[in-house]
Amino acid sequence: MRVTGSDLPQGVQRFLRVHIDSIEKLEVLLLLRNRAERPWTASEVALELRITEVSSTARLEDLASSELLVRNGETPVEYRFSPARSDDVRAISELALTYSERRVSIITFIFSKPTERVQGFADAFLLRKKRDDDPG
């Protein structure tokens, strides 16, 4: 059975498709959103979420590249929740509420959507129907 996420609001589905490719990235985003009053370093996020600092840095950079977080130019680099688009602010608020109420639905939706790399790999193995005039 393929999960479509039809029980999730359209705005949440759209946001997840565009911005979130892992539960870890979702957790990082929601942590910074829920504690937006302060800046966060990768090591602080890693400690808080019990993930590696390498992974934390990668997720923070992805979210900053998507203009959902801002980073300072200092060392150590600090990140703050600050989406550039008001649509993203609304979608993240709706996502946070939905995640608190239907966590399993969100997790299932994230795991059910193929990543570009996985889809490309799968497409490489598509079997084509043999044509009648194909000698092979």
Protein backbone atom coordinates (compact mmCIF):
# COMPACT_ATOMS: atom_id res chain seq x y z
CA MET A 1 0.00 0.00 0.00
CA ARG A 2 1.39 3.38 -0.97
CA VAL A 3 1.05 6.17 1.57
CA THR A 4 -0.12 9.40 -0.01
CA GLY A 5 -0.30 11.60 3.04
CA SER A 6 -3.87 12.48 2.12
CA ASP A 7 -4.70 12.80 5.81
CA LEU A 8 -2.19 15.66 6.08
CA PRO A 9 -3.01 19.27 5.18
CA GLN A 10 -1.96 20.24 1.65
CA GLY A 11 0.36 22.99 2.90
CA VAL A 12 2.17 20.52 5.16
CA GLN A 13 2.54 18.01 2.33
CA ARG A 14 3.90 20.68 0.00
CA PHE A 15 6.39 21.94 2.59
CA LEU A 16 7.60 18.43 3.38
CA ARG A 17 8.05 17.61 -0.32
CA VAL A 18 10.11 20.73 -0.93
CA HIS A 19 12.15 21.11 2.27
CA ILE A 20 12.23 17.99 4.42
CA ASP A 21 13.94 14.76 3.39
CA SER A 22 14.56 13.26 6.83
CA ILE A 23 13.11 13.14 10.32
CA GLU A 24 16.41 14.52 11.58
CA LYS A 25 16.06 17.64 9.45
CA LEU A 26 12.47 18.07 10.64
CA GLU A 27 13.56 17.75 14.27
CA VAL A 28 16.33 20.34 13.77
CA LEU A 29 13.91 22.78 12.16
CA LEU A 30 11.30 22.37 14.88
CA LEU A 31 13.89 22.71 17.65
CA LEU A 32 15.06 26.04 16.29
CA ARG A 33 11.47 27.17 15.70
CA ASN A 34 10.39 26.24 19.22
CA ARG A 35 13.36 28.06 20.73
CA ALA A 36 13.65 30.93 18.28
CA GLU A 37 14.69 33.38 21.00
CA ARG A 38 18.28 32.19 20.87
CA PRO A 39 20.95 31.29 18.31
CA TRP A 40 22.16 27.68 18.04
CA THR A 41 25.53 26.18 17.12
CA ALA A 42 25.80 22.79 15.42
CA SER A 43 27.28 21.29 18.58
CA GLU A 44 24.39 22.60 20.72
CA VAL A 45 21.83 21.15 18.29
CA ALA A 46 23.72 17.85 18.21
CA LEU A 47 23.75 17.67 22.01
CA GLU A 48 20.07 18.60 22.31
CA LEU A 49 18.86 16.10 19.70
CA ARG A 50 21.49 13.43 20.46
CA ILE A 51 22.84 13.33 16.91
CA THR A 52 26.36 13.74 15.59
CA GLU A 53 27.77 17.21 15.08
CA VAL A 54 28.54 16.35 11.44
CA SER A 55 24.89 15.48 10.85
CA SER A 56 23.72 18.52 12.77
CA THR A 57 25.93 20.79 10.66
CA ALA A 58 24.65 19.25 7.43
CA ARG A 59 20.99 19.68 8.44
CA LEU A 60 21.53 23.26 9.62
CA GLU A 61 23.31 24.16 6.38
CA ASP A 62 20.53 22.58 4.29
CA LEU A 63 17.90 24.55 6.19
CA ALA A 64 19.92 27.77 5.89
CA SER A 65 20.34 27.18 2.14
CA SER A 66 16.56 26.83 1.89
CA GLU A 67 16.23 30.22 3.63
CA LEU A 68 14.47 28.73 6.65
CA LEU A 69 17.33 29.61 9.01
CA VAL A 70 19.85 32.44 9.01
CA ARG A 71 23.48 31.97 9.95
CA ASN A 72 25.91 34.50 11.33
CA GLY A 73 29.32 34.93 9.78
CA GLU A 74 31.25 34.32 12.97
CA THR A 75 33.02 31.34 14.47
CA PRO A 76 31.43 29.27 15.77
CA VAL A 77 28.62 29.62 13.25
CA GLU A 78 25.25 30.17 14.90
CA TYR A 79 21.84 29.61 13.33
CA ARG A 80 18.46 31.15 14.04
CA PHE A 81 14.97 30.28 12.90
CA SER A 82 14.06 32.98 10.40
CA PRO A 83 12.21 31.86 7.26
CA ALA A 84 12.55 34.32 4.40
CA ARG A 85 9.00 33.73 3.11
CA SER A 86 5.80 34.27 5.09
CA ASP A 87 4.31 31.19 3.37
CA ASP A 88 7.05 29.10 4.95
CA VAL A 89 6.35 30.58 8.39
CA ARG A 90 2.68 29.57 8.07
CA ALA A 91 3.53 26.12 6.68
CA ILE A 92 6.03 25.45 9.49
CA SER A 93 3.48 26.48 12.12
CA GLU A 94 0.93 24.12 10.57
CA LEU A 95 3.59 21.40 10.32
CA ALA A 96 4.54 21.78 14.00
CA LEU A 97 0.90 21.47 15.06
CA THR A 98 0.29 18.50 12.76
CA TYR A 99 3.49 16.79 13.95
CA SER A 100 2.38 17.13 17.58
CA GLU A 101 -1.00 15.58 16.75
CA ARG A 102 -0.14 13.06 14.01
CA ARG A 103 3.55 12.27 14.35
CA VAL A 104 3.25 8.84 12.71
CA SER A 105 1.49 10.31 9.65
CA ILE A 106 4.28 12.86 9.18
CA ILE A 107 7.02 10.25 9.62
CA THR A 108 5.29 7.87 7.22
CA PHE A 109 4.91 10.64 4.63
CA ILE A 110 8.60 11.58 4.84
CA PHE A 111 9.73 7.96 4.48
CA SER A 112 7.30 7.27 1.63
CA LYS A 113 8.55 10.00 -0.69
CA PRO A 114 11.47 8.94 -2.87
CA THR A 115 14.53 11.13 -2.83
CA GLU A 116 15.92 12.24 -6.19
CA ARG A 117 18.97 10.00 -5.82
CA VAL A 118 16.92 6.95 -4.91
CA GLN A 119 14.46 7.63 -7.73
CA GLY A 120 17.32 8.05 -10.21
CA PHE A 121 18.84 4.78 -9.06
CA ALA A 122 15.48 3.01 -9.35
CA ASP A 123 14.86 4.47 -12.80
CA ALA A 124 18.16 2.99 -13.97
CA PHE A 125 16.72 -0.48 -13.37
CA LEU A 126 13.40 -0.03 -15.13
CA LEU A 127 12.87 -2.95 -17.44
CA ARG A 128 11.63 -2.08 -20.84
CA LYS A 129 9.20 -4.31 -22.63
CA LYS A 130 11.01 -6.29 -25.28
CA ARG A 131 9.98 -5.33 -28.80
CA ASP A 132 9.12 -8.06 -31.28
CA ASP A 133 11.93 -7.01 -33.63
CA ASP A 134 14.52 -6.81 -30.83
CA PRO A 135 17.04 -9.64 -31.31
CA GLY A 136 18.29 -9.44 -27.69
